[in-house]
């Protein structure tokens, strides 16, 4: 069983999102490299390759970038 702790959200366009009824501020992708994290979970199917390339260009190691499409995350949450 994988337990995830959401420490932050990054988005180019949004300044905040609502997650589990809570408002969470979004940081810009350019700020990711300054954070302390175990890994980054990219939860989109359409833009994954573009986002991964952008993160690699910003110096984020490829081994810390994981892909889990939003539908995969939702289906796993529903099955609990």
C-alpha atoms as a PDB file:
ATOM      1  CA  UNK A   1       0.000   0.000   0.000  1.00  0.00           C
ATOM      2  CA  UNK A   2       1.365   3.400  -0.999  1.00  0.00           C
ATOM      3  CA  UNK A   3       0.734   6.341   1.288  1.00  0.00           C
ATOM      4  CA  UNK A   4       1.118   9.783  -0.221  1.00  0.00           C
ATOM      5  CA  UNK A   5       1.423  13.066   1.610  1.00  0.00           C
ATOM      6  CA  UNK A   6       0.620  16.075  -0.522  1.00  0.00           C
ATOM      7  CA  UNK A   7       3.181  18.725   0.352  1.00  0.00           C
ATOM      8  CA  UNK A   8       2.529  21.087  -2.510  1.00  0.00           C
ATOM      9  CA  UNK A   9       1.002  21.644  -5.897  1.00  0.00           C
ATOM     10  CA  UNK A  10       2.642  23.236  -8.896  1.00  0.00           C
ATOM     11  CA  UNK A  11       0.860  24.708 -11.885  1.00  0.00           C
ATOM     12  CA  UNK A  12       1.860  27.219 -14.532  1.00  0.00           C
ATOM     13  CA  UNK A  13      -1.548  28.855 -14.783  1.00  0.00           C
ATOM     14  CA  UNK A  14      -3.288  28.418 -11.430  1.00  0.00           C
ATOM     15  CA  UNK A  15      -2.424  30.243  -8.224  1.00  0.00           C
ATOM     16  CA  UNK A  16      -4.464  27.862  -6.038  1.00  0.00           C
ATOM     17  CA  UNK A  17      -6.593  24.702  -6.211  1.00  0.00           C
ATOM     18  CA  UNK A  18      -9.100  22.994  -3.924  1.00  0.00           C
ATOM     19  CA  UNK A  19      -8.083  19.517  -2.722  1.00  0.00           C
ATOM     20  CA  UNK A  20     -10.266  17.535  -0.305  1.00  0.00           C
ATOM     21  CA  UNK A  21     -12.170  20.708   0.512  1.00  0.00           C
ATOM     22  CA  UNK A  22      -9.055  22.709   1.345  1.00  0.00           C
ATOM     23  CA  UNK A  23      -7.585  25.608  -0.613  1.00  0.00           C
ATOM     24  CA  UNK A  24      -3.957  24.916  -1.505  1.00  0.00           C
ATOM     25  CA  UNK A  25      -1.608  27.508  -2.954  1.00  0.00           C
ATOM     26  CA  UNK A  26       0.197  26.494  -6.135  1.00  0.00           C
ATOM     27  CA  UNK A  27       3.855  27.188  -6.683  1.00  0.00           C
ATOM     28  CA  UNK A  28       5.381  27.874 -10.064  1.00  0.00           C
ATOM     29  CA  UNK A  29       7.331  25.034 -11.743  1.00  0.00           C
ATOM     30  CA  UNK A  30      10.470  27.180 -11.647  1.00  0.00           C
ATOM     31  CA  UNK A  31      10.332  27.043  -7.829  1.00  0.00           C
ATOM     32  CA  UNK A  32      10.347  23.222  -7.592  1.00  0.00           C
ATOM     33  CA  UNK A  33      14.110  22.788  -7.529  1.00  0.00           C
ATOM     34  CA  UNK A  34      14.343  24.851  -4.322  1.00  0.00           C
ATOM     35  CA  UNK A  35      12.058  22.465  -2.407  1.00  0.00           C
ATOM     36  CA  UNK A  36      12.940  19.426  -0.308  1.00  0.00           C
ATOM     37  CA  UNK A  37      10.963  16.428  -1.642  1.00  0.00           C
ATOM     38  CA  UNK A  38      11.236  12.681  -2.123  1.00  0.00           C
ATOM     39  CA  UNK A  39       9.653  12.743  -5.557  1.00  0.00           C
ATOM     40  CA  UNK A  40       7.309  14.700  -7.791  1.00  0.00           C
ATOM     41  CA  UNK A  41       4.125  13.043  -8.997  1.00  0.00           C
ATOM     42  CA  UNK A  42       2.900  14.381 -12.338  1.00  0.00           C
ATOM     43  CA  UNK A  43      -0.826  13.704 -12.508  1.00  0.00           C
ATOM     44  CA  UNK A  44      -1.688  14.421 -16.101  1.00  0.00           C
ATOM     45  CA  UNK A  45      -1.704  12.206 -19.140  1.00  0.00           C
ATOM     46  CA  UNK A  46      -1.806  14.791 -21.910  1.00  0.00           C
ATOM     47  CA  UNK A  47       1.140  17.005 -20.916  1.00  0.00           C
ATOM     48  CA  UNK A  48       3.357  14.524 -19.055  1.00  0.00           C
ATOM     49  CA  UNK A  49       6.207  14.461 -21.588  1.00  0.00           C
ATOM     50  CA  UNK A  50       6.268  18.250 -21.846  1.00  0.00           C
ATOM     51  CA  UNK A  51       6.235  18.678 -18.059  1.00  0.00           C
ATOM     52  CA  UNK A  52       8.961  16.066 -17.556  1.00  0.00           C
ATOM     53  CA  UNK A  53      11.169  17.789 -20.146  1.00  0.00           C
ATOM     54  CA  UNK A  54      10.624  21.151 -18.436  1.00  0.00           C
ATOM     55  CA  UNK A  55      11.487  19.703 -15.027  1.00  0.00           C
ATOM     56  CA  UNK A  56      14.628  18.008 -16.337  1.00  0.00           C
ATOM     57  CA  UNK A  57      15.704  21.329 -17.881  1.00  0.00           C
ATOM     58  CA  UNK A  58      15.223  22.948 -14.472  1.00  0.00           C
ATOM     59  CA  UNK A  59      17.649  20.433 -12.927  1.00  0.00           C
ATOM     60  CA  UNK A  60      15.195  18.003 -11.336  1.00  0.00           C
ATOM     61  CA  UNK A  61      16.604  14.448 -11.532  1.00  0.00           C
ATOM     62  CA  UNK A  62      14.646  12.104 -13.800  1.00  0.00           C
ATOM     63  CA  UNK A  63      14.533   9.488 -11.031  1.00  0.00           C
ATOM     64  CA  UNK A  64      12.444  11.826  -8.875  1.00  0.00           C
ATOM     65  CA  UNK A  65       9.745  12.427 -11.494  1.00  0.00           C
ATOM     66  CA  UNK A  66       6.881   9.912 -11.481  1.00  0.00           C
ATOM     67  CA  UNK A  67       3.818   9.694 -13.711  1.00  0.00           C
ATOM     68  CA  UNK A  68       0.353   8.869 -12.399  1.00  0.00           C
ATOM     69  CA  UNK A  69      -2.481  10.083 -14.564  1.00  0.00           C
ATOM     70  CA  UNK A  70      -5.333  11.800 -12.770  1.00  0.00           C
ATOM     71  CA  UNK A  71      -7.714   8.988 -13.657  1.00  0.00           C
ATOM     72  CA  UNK A  72      -5.346   6.450 -12.085  1.00  0.00           C
ATOM     73  CA  UNK A  73      -5.198   8.473  -8.873  1.00  0.00           C
ATOM     74  CA  UNK A  74      -8.966   8.846  -8.699  1.00  0.00           C
ATOM     75  CA  UNK A  75      -9.648   5.170  -9.341  1.00  0.00           C
ATOM     76  CA  UNK A  76      -7.224   4.153  -6.586  1.00  0.00           C
ATOM     77  CA  UNK A  77      -8.856   6.515  -4.118  1.00  0.00           C
ATOM     78  CA  UNK A  78     -12.335   5.242  -4.940  1.00  0.00           C
ATOM     79  CA  UNK A  79     -11.361   1.586  -4.371  1.00  0.00           C
ATOM     80  CA  UNK A  80     -10.328   2.143  -0.734  1.00  0.00           C
END
